[in-house]
Protein backbone atom coordinates (compact mmCIF):
# COMPACT_ATOMS: atom_id res chain seq x y z
CA MET A 1 178.30 62.52 -13.40
CA VAL A 2 174.51 62.78 -13.20
CA ARG A 3 172.69 66.08 -13.71
CA VAL A 4 169.09 66.69 -12.69
CA THR A 5 167.56 70.01 -13.68
CA THR A 6 164.22 71.53 -12.74
CA ASN A 7 162.68 74.81 -13.84
CA ALA A 8 160.14 75.89 -11.25
CA GLY A 9 159.30 79.40 -12.39
CA ILE A 10 161.23 81.37 -9.83
CA SER A 11 164.61 79.73 -10.45
CA ARG A 12 166.52 77.19 -12.49
CA PHE A 13 168.04 74.53 -10.32
CA SER A 14 170.58 71.78 -11.05
CA VAL A 15 171.89 68.95 -8.92
CA ILE A 16 175.15 67.38 -10.12
CA LEU A 17 176.34 64.12 -8.59
CA GLN A 18 180.07 63.98 -9.27
CA ALA A 19 182.39 61.46 -7.55
CA ASP A 20 181.77 62.00 -3.84
CA THR A 21 180.29 65.49 -4.11
CA ILE A 22 176.82 66.85 -4.76
CA ILE A 23 176.87 70.30 -6.38
CA PHE A 24 173.83 72.57 -6.20
CA ASN A 25 173.60 75.24 -8.91
CA THR A 26 170.82 77.83 -8.90
CA ILE A 27 170.10 80.66 -11.30
CA THR A 28 167.54 82.90 -9.61
CA SER A 29 164.87 84.95 -11.34
CA GLU A 30 167.04 88.01 -10.72
CA GLY A 31 169.90 86.36 -12.61
CA TYR A 32 172.12 85.59 -9.63
CA TYR A 33 174.19 82.41 -9.85
CA LEU A 34 174.59 80.38 -6.68
CA GLU A 35 176.68 77.26 -6.21
CA ARG A 36 177.28 75.04 -3.20
CA ALA A 37 179.20 71.78 -3.08
CA ILE A 38 178.48 69.19 -0.37
CA SER A 39 180.65 66.13 0.12
CA CYS A 40 178.60 63.01 0.73
CA GLY A 41 181.16 60.20 0.77
CA ASN A 42 179.27 58.12 -1.76
CA CYS A 43 176.29 59.62 -3.52
CA THR A 44 173.93 56.69 -3.24
CA ARG A 45 171.61 58.47 -0.83
CA THR A 46 168.57 60.43 -1.95
CA SER A 47 168.63 64.22 -2.12
CA ASP A 48 166.27 64.33 0.91
CA GLN A 49 168.73 62.25 2.94
CA ILE A 50 171.61 64.48 1.92
CA MET A 51 169.75 67.67 2.87
CA ASN A 52 168.61 66.21 6.16
CA ASN A 53 172.21 65.58 7.19
CA HIS A 54 173.68 68.91 6.09
CA PRO A 55 172.73 72.40 7.27
CA ILE A 56 171.15 74.95 4.97
CA SER A 57 173.48 77.91 4.93
CA VAL A 58 172.49 81.56 5.25
CA THR A 59 174.05 83.76 2.57
CA TRP A 60 173.20 87.13 4.14
CA GLN A 61 171.96 88.26 7.52
CA GLY A 62 171.02 91.76 8.57
CA SER A 63 173.41 93.47 10.97
CA LEU A 64 170.71 93.67 13.63
CA SER A 65 169.73 90.00 13.25
CA ARG A 66 173.40 89.05 13.59
CA ASP A 67 173.66 90.88 16.92
CA LEU A 68 170.35 89.49 18.16
CA LEU A 69 171.29 85.89 17.36
CA LYS A 70 174.49 86.24 19.37
CA ASN A 71 172.37 86.82 22.47
CA SER A 72 169.62 84.27 21.78
CA GLN A 73 169.35 80.60 22.68
CA LYS A 74 165.75 79.79 21.87
CA ALA A 75 163.12 80.82 19.35
CA VAL A 76 159.60 79.88 18.31
CA ILE A 77 158.00 79.83 14.86
CA THR A 78 155.36 82.55 14.63
CA GLY A 79 154.41 82.56 10.95
CA LEU A 80 154.71 80.59 7.70
CA THR A 81 154.42 82.14 4.23
CA SER A 82 155.37 81.15 0.70
CA ARG A 83 158.27 83.61 1.00
CA GLY A 84 159.74 82.39 4.26
CA ILE A 85 159.39 81.70 7.97
CA PHE A 86 158.94 84.16 10.83
CA ILE A 87 160.58 83.25 14.14
CA LYS A 88 160.45 85.04 17.49
CA LEU A 89 163.66 85.04 19.51
CA ASP A 90 163.76 84.75 23.28
CA THR A 91 164.94 88.38 23.25
CA GLY A 92 161.51 89.42 21.95
CA TRP A 93 162.47 90.24 18.34
CA ILE A 94 161.04 88.78 15.13
CA LEU A 95 163.40 87.51 12.39
CA PHE A 96 162.49 86.42 8.87
CA LEU A 97 164.07 83.33 7.29
CA SER A 98 163.65 84.24 3.65
CA PHE A 99 163.46 82.04 0.55
CA GLU A 100 164.04 85.22 -1.51
CA GLY A 101 167.15 87.27 -2.15
CA PHE A 102 165.97 90.62 -0.74
CA ARG A 103 168.02 91.65 2.29
CA GLY A 104 167.00 93.53 5.41
CA PRO A 105 168.05 94.24 8.99
CA LEU A 106 165.95 91.39 10.42
CA THR A 107 166.25 89.00 7.46
CA LEU A 108 168.28 85.82 7.03
CA ASN A 109 168.51 84.87 3.35
CA LEU A 110 168.60 81.10 2.88
CA SER A 111 171.06 79.80 0.31
CA GLY A 112 170.42 78.41 -3.15
CA GLU A 113 170.33 74.75 -2.14
CA THR A 114 166.95 75.30 -0.46
CA SER A 115 165.55 74.99 -3.99
CA ILE A 116 165.73 71.19 -3.62
CA LEU A 117 163.41 71.57 -0.66
CA ASN A 118 161.29 74.41 -1.97
CA ASN A 119 160.64 72.97 -5.45
CA PRO A 120 160.28 69.20 -5.07
CA PRO A 121 159.73 67.11 -8.19
CA ALA A 122 156.23 66.61 -9.52
CA GLY A 123 154.54 63.59 -8.00
CA SER A 124 156.43 63.84 -4.71
CA GLU A 125 154.64 64.38 -1.42
CA SER A 126 155.85 68.00 -1.34
CA ALA A 127 154.75 68.87 -4.88
CA GLY A 128 151.91 71.28 -5.51
CA GLY A 129 153.53 74.66 -5.03
CA SER A 130 154.26 74.50 -1.32
CA HIS A 131 157.78 74.86 0.03
CA GLY A 132 159.33 71.54 0.99
CA LEU A 133 161.07 73.14 3.97
CA LEU A 134 157.64 74.08 5.33
CA ASN A 135 156.45 70.47 5.40
CA GLY A 136 156.02 69.38 9.00
CA ILE A 137 156.66 72.87 10.41
CA LYS A 138 153.93 74.40 12.54
CA VAL A 139 153.40 77.76 14.19
CA SER A 140 154.52 77.59 17.83
CA ASP A 141 157.19 74.94 17.08
CA PRO A 142 160.20 75.57 19.37
CA LEU A 143 163.70 76.06 17.96
CA GLU A 144 167.18 75.98 19.47
CA ILE A 145 169.97 78.40 18.61
CA GLN A 146 173.51 77.28 19.30
CA ASP A 147 176.91 77.00 17.60
CA GLY A 148 175.85 79.39 14.85
CA LYS A 149 172.86 77.25 13.84
CA ILE A 150 169.07 77.30 14.13
CA GLN A 151 168.13 73.77 15.10
CA ASN A 152 165.15 71.51 15.86
CA LEU A 153 163.54 71.85 12.42
CA PRO A 154 161.79 68.75 10.98
CA ALA A 155 163.89 65.85 9.66
CA GLY A 156 166.99 67.12 11.44
CA ILE A 157 167.43 70.12 9.13
CA GLU A 158 169.64 72.90 10.53
CA ILE A 159 170.11 76.46 9.31
CA ASP A 160 173.74 77.58 9.57
CA PHE A 161 174.25 81.36 9.86
CA SER A 162 177.82 81.21 11.21
CA ARG A 163 179.45 82.19 7.91
CA ALA A 164 176.78 84.51 6.52
CA GLY A 165 177.71 87.89 5.13
CA THR A 166 176.42 90.89 7.07
CA TRP A 167 174.11 93.37 5.34
CA GLU A 168 173.14 96.86 6.38
CA ALA A 169 171.86 99.86 4.48
CA PRO A 170 174.70 101.20 2.29
CA PRO A 171 176.29 104.63 2.81
CA GLN A 172 174.36 107.54 1.34
CA LEU A 173 175.50 109.12 -1.91
CA GLU A 174 176.93 112.62 -1.62
CA ILE A 175 175.28 114.03 -4.76
CA LEU A 176 171.64 114.87 -4.03
CA LEU A 177 168.75 116.14 -6.08
CA SER A 178 167.53 119.66 -5.39
CA PRO A 179 164.37 119.90 -3.26
CA GLY A 180 162.32 120.63 -6.39
CA ASP A 181 163.74 117.66 -8.27
CA ARG A 182 163.07 115.41 -5.28
CA ALA A 183 159.42 116.44 -5.33
CA ARG A 184 159.22 115.74 -9.07
CA SER A 185 160.88 112.34 -8.64
CA LEU A 186 158.46 111.53 -5.82
CA LYS A 187 155.47 112.42 -8.00
CA THR A 188 156.77 110.24 -10.82
CA VAL A 189 157.22 107.26 -8.50
CA ALA A 190 153.80 107.81 -6.90
CA GLY A 191 152.17 108.14 -10.32
CA LEU A 192 153.62 104.80 -11.39
CA ILE A 193 152.47 103.16 -8.16
CA LEU A 194 148.93 104.50 -8.44
CA SER A 195 148.63 103.59 -12.12
CA GLN A 196 149.83 100.03 -11.62
CA ASN A 197 148.17 99.15 -8.29
CA ARG A 198 144.38 99.32 -8.19
CA GLU A 199 143.76 97.47 -4.94
CA PRO A 200 142.26 99.52 -2.07
CA GLY A 201 144.83 100.79 0.38
CA LEU A 202 146.26 103.67 2.37
CA TYR A 203 148.62 104.57 -0.49
CA LEU A 204 145.64 105.97 -2.43
CA VAL A 205 145.92 109.15 -0.32
CA LEU A 206 148.97 109.98 -2.47
CA LYS A 207 146.68 111.25 -5.23
CA GLU A 208 145.32 114.11 -3.13
CA LEU A 209 148.51 114.66 -1.14
CA LEU A 210 150.58 115.16 -4.31
CA GLY A 211 147.86 116.69 -6.48
CA LEU A 212 148.08 113.92 -9.08
CA GLU A 213 145.52 113.61 -11.88
CA ILE A 214 144.81 109.90 -12.38
CA ARG A 215 141.44 108.84 -13.70
CA ASP A 216 139.24 106.04 -12.37
CA LEU A 217 141.10 105.83 -9.07
CA GLN A 218 138.98 104.83 -6.11
CA SER A 219 139.06 106.61 -2.77
CA PRO A 220 141.09 105.24 0.14
CA PRO A 221 139.21 102.94 2.55
CA LYS A 222 137.26 105.00 5.09
CA ALA A 223 139.41 103.77 7.98
CA PHE A 224 142.35 105.75 6.58
CA GLU A 225 140.38 108.96 6.14
CA ARG A 226 140.37 109.64 9.87
CA VAL A 227 143.82 111.26 9.53
CA ASP A 228 144.24 114.69 7.92
CA TYR A 229 147.39 114.06 5.89
CA VAL A 230 147.62 117.64 4.61
CA ARG A 231 147.54 118.92 8.19
CA LEU A 232 150.14 116.31 9.17
CA LEU A 233 152.40 117.60 6.40
CA GLN A 234 152.09 121.14 7.74
CA LEU A 235 152.84 119.96 11.29
CA LEU A 236 156.01 118.21 10.08
CA LYS A 237 157.32 121.61 9.04
CA THR A 238 157.09 122.88 12.62
CA THR A 239 158.56 122.18 16.05
CA ASP A 240 155.14 121.07 17.36
CA LEU A 241 156.15 117.54 18.37
CA ASP A 242 153.01 116.97 20.43
CA GLY A 243 150.85 117.90 17.43
CA ILE A 244 152.83 115.54 15.18
CA LEU A 245 152.52 112.67 17.64
CA SER A 246 148.80 113.20 18.23
CA THR A 247 148.26 112.88 14.46
CA LEU A 248 150.53 109.87 13.98
CA ARG A 249 149.42 107.77 16.98
CA PRO A 250 145.99 106.86 15.49
CA LEU A 251 147.84 105.28 12.57
CA LEU A 252 149.62 102.73 14.76
CA GLY A 253 148.02 99.32 14.24
CA LEU A 254 145.57 100.77 11.68
CA GLY A 255 144.92 98.17 9.00
CA ALA A 256 145.16 94.40 8.61
CA GLY A 257 148.05 91.96 8.44
CA LEU A 258 151.42 91.49 10.13
CA THR A 259 152.37 95.07 9.28
CA PRO A 260 149.22 97.24 9.22
CA ALA A 261 149.18 100.04 6.64
CA GLY A 262 149.36 102.81 9.24
CA ASP A 263 152.55 101.28 10.63
CA ASP A 264 154.02 101.12 7.12
CA LEU A 265 153.43 104.87 6.74
CA ILE A 266 155.21 105.55 10.03
CA LEU A 267 158.05 103.23 9.02
CA GLY A 268 158.51 105.14 5.74
CA LEU A 269 158.42 108.49 7.54
CA LEU A 270 161.01 107.52 10.17
CA LEU A 271 163.25 105.81 7.62
CA ALA A 272 163.33 108.95 5.48
CA TYR A 273 164.12 111.30 8.36
CA ASN A 274 166.69 109.05 10.02
CA ARG A 275 168.51 108.09 6.82
CA TRP A 276 168.37 111.50 5.15
CA GLY A 277 168.01 113.89 8.11
CA PRO A 278 170.72 116.33 6.95
CA ALA A 279 169.05 116.64 3.55
CA LEU A 280 165.43 116.80 4.80
CA ARG A 281 166.30 119.02 7.79
CA PRO A 282 163.40 118.42 10.19
CA VAL A 283 163.03 121.27 12.68
CA PHE A 284 161.37 119.15 15.37
CA ASP A 285 163.30 116.91 17.79
CA LEU A 286 163.74 113.74 15.68
CA ALA A 287 165.32 111.70 18.49
CA GLU A 288 162.32 112.45 20.70
CA LEU A 289 159.90 111.51 17.91
CA ASP A 290 161.75 108.21 17.39
CA ASP A 291 161.65 107.40 21.09
CA ARG A 292 158.00 108.25 21.66
CA LEU A 293 156.77 106.46 18.54
CA ASN A 294 158.78 103.36 19.41
CA ARG A 295 157.29 103.26 22.88
CA ALA A 296 153.78 103.73 21.49
CA ALA A 297 154.32 101.05 18.80
CA SER A 298 155.35 98.50 21.43
CA GLN A 299 151.90 98.89 23.00
CA LYS A 300 149.59 99.52 20.05
CA THR A 301 150.60 97.28 17.15
CA THR A 302 152.05 93.91 16.18
CA LEU A 303 155.49 92.88 17.41
CA LEU A 304 156.79 92.64 13.84
CA SER A 305 155.63 96.16 13.03
CA ALA A 306 157.11 97.51 16.26
CA ASN A 307 160.43 95.84 15.38
CA LEU A 308 160.44 97.30 11.86
CA ILE A 309 159.60 100.77 13.18
CA ALA A 310 162.52 100.44 15.61
CA CYS A 311 164.78 99.57 12.66
CA ALA A 312 163.53 102.58 10.69
CA SER A 313 164.36 104.86 13.61
CA GLN A 314 167.97 103.70 13.09
CA GLY A 315 167.82 104.39 9.36
CA GLN A 316 167.56 100.67 8.53
CA ALA A 317 164.94 98.80 6.49
CA ASP A 318 164.50 96.21 3.75
CA GLU A 319 166.81 97.09 0.86
CA ARG A 320 163.84 97.66 -1.46
CA LEU A 321 162.61 100.50 0.74
CA VAL A 322 166.12 101.92 1.15
CA ASN A 323 166.78 101.80 -2.60
CA ALA A 324 163.48 103.49 -3.45
CA LEU A 325 164.00 106.23 -0.87
CA ASP A 326 167.56 106.83 -2.03
CA GLY A 327 166.36 107.06 -5.63
CA MET A 328 163.93 109.85 -4.80
CA ILE A 329 166.61 111.77 -2.88
CA THR A 330 169.58 111.25 -5.20
CA GLY A 331 168.13 110.29 -8.59
CA ASN A 332 169.69 106.83 -8.45
CA PRO A 333 168.01 104.39 -9.00
CA ALA A 334 165.51 105.74 -11.54
CA PRO A 335 161.81 106.25 -10.69
CA ASP A 336 160.63 103.10 -12.50
CA GLN A 337 163.05 100.99 -10.45
CA CYS A 338 161.92 102.74 -7.27
CA ALA A 339 158.28 101.94 -8.08
CA ARG A 340 159.09 98.28 -8.74
CA SER A 341 161.01 98.00 -5.47
CA LEU A 342 158.16 99.47 -3.45
CA SER A 343 155.52 97.33 -5.17
CA SER A 344 157.47 94.14 -4.42
CA TRP A 345 157.59 94.68 -0.64
CA GLY A 346 154.53 92.92 0.77
CA ASN A 347 151.08 93.13 -0.79
CA SER A 348 150.87 96.92 -0.47
CA SER A 349 153.27 97.62 2.41
CA GLY A 350 155.91 99.25 0.21
CA CYS A 351 153.29 101.47 -1.41
CA ASP A 352 151.94 102.48 2.01
CA ALA A 353 155.48 103.21 3.22
CA LEU A 354 155.79 105.60 0.26
CA VAL A 355 153.15 107.81 1.91
CA GLY A 356 155.44 108.30 4.91
CA MET A 357 158.44 108.95 2.64
CA ALA A 358 156.35 111.47 0.68
CA LEU A 359 155.43 113.36 3.85
CA ALA A 360 159.09 113.58 4.88
CA ILE A 361 160.28 114.68 1.43
CA LEU A 362 157.50 117.27 1.02
CA SER A 363 158.09 118.67 4.52
CA SER A 364 161.57 119.79 3.39
CA GLN A 365 160.18 121.90 0.52
CA PRO A 366 160.53 125.69 0.90
């Protein structure tokens, strides 16, 4: 038996060559233990050769991505990041092949053995912090989808999603905080976010919206001051759907990146109302708001943002957003965990989504 161990910061990874089997063991930064055994006949080949002849498995896939993949045959790579790969299906939806463990409706979580690709040994051609799986991949590269696999990646690598578990947002808890306690929980979470994140962003409007006293906090970028958030909050307490939409539409596509900050606010708002509608009790026609915002998003913002807004209108989102929202409504998880979850979603996307959640939660106050 031969054991090779690397410690690359985000995970501890071992390769064990035992008889005719290679065993991949990973302990992630979150403490999860992953193991996968691959038979290789005789283990005289290099790890690269072994990985090139065996598919990378998907541990979890979102329920929506599962259904979309059933009806897709082709895809194209649309983005490469240190956290994963964005692909566009021939059905017009964006999926995320993630190197991380966070689950979502449009996410496929790649299994632990990708560590051998993502953290190559020092001195190898892939060393230097880049993901080995990304080597040779380019935006616009075509992919094939068949037999439960994503194919046509460099070096013959395949991604097998046929046996992946299906994830969707968990059922809501039945014990809820009172409206007053929800507002207090929201303020605690927002206070933690504003104290720990000093980069400019839409989320800075939380200080005024919630009446928080935090010193040395800069003003939001001027682009985000075109919306009257206090007036929007008052409109959300009415049946004036046209007034709500006229205030929200300028936010679509407002900001930089794959998911502009204005879209993140709308995502947070729709997620809160669609997941916790009975508790937040909007008096306007929520189904009509969902429909009209989805149609507007398809024309005014990025495809990824439009897809995520569509998910939110079904009460689905990345589990970090769902967990944080649930914490502010039910008290579980605690505010510090909610703040960490939001801060870990994108550069500031989770924090910007909190603005939309805050508007929904505050609109239910007497």
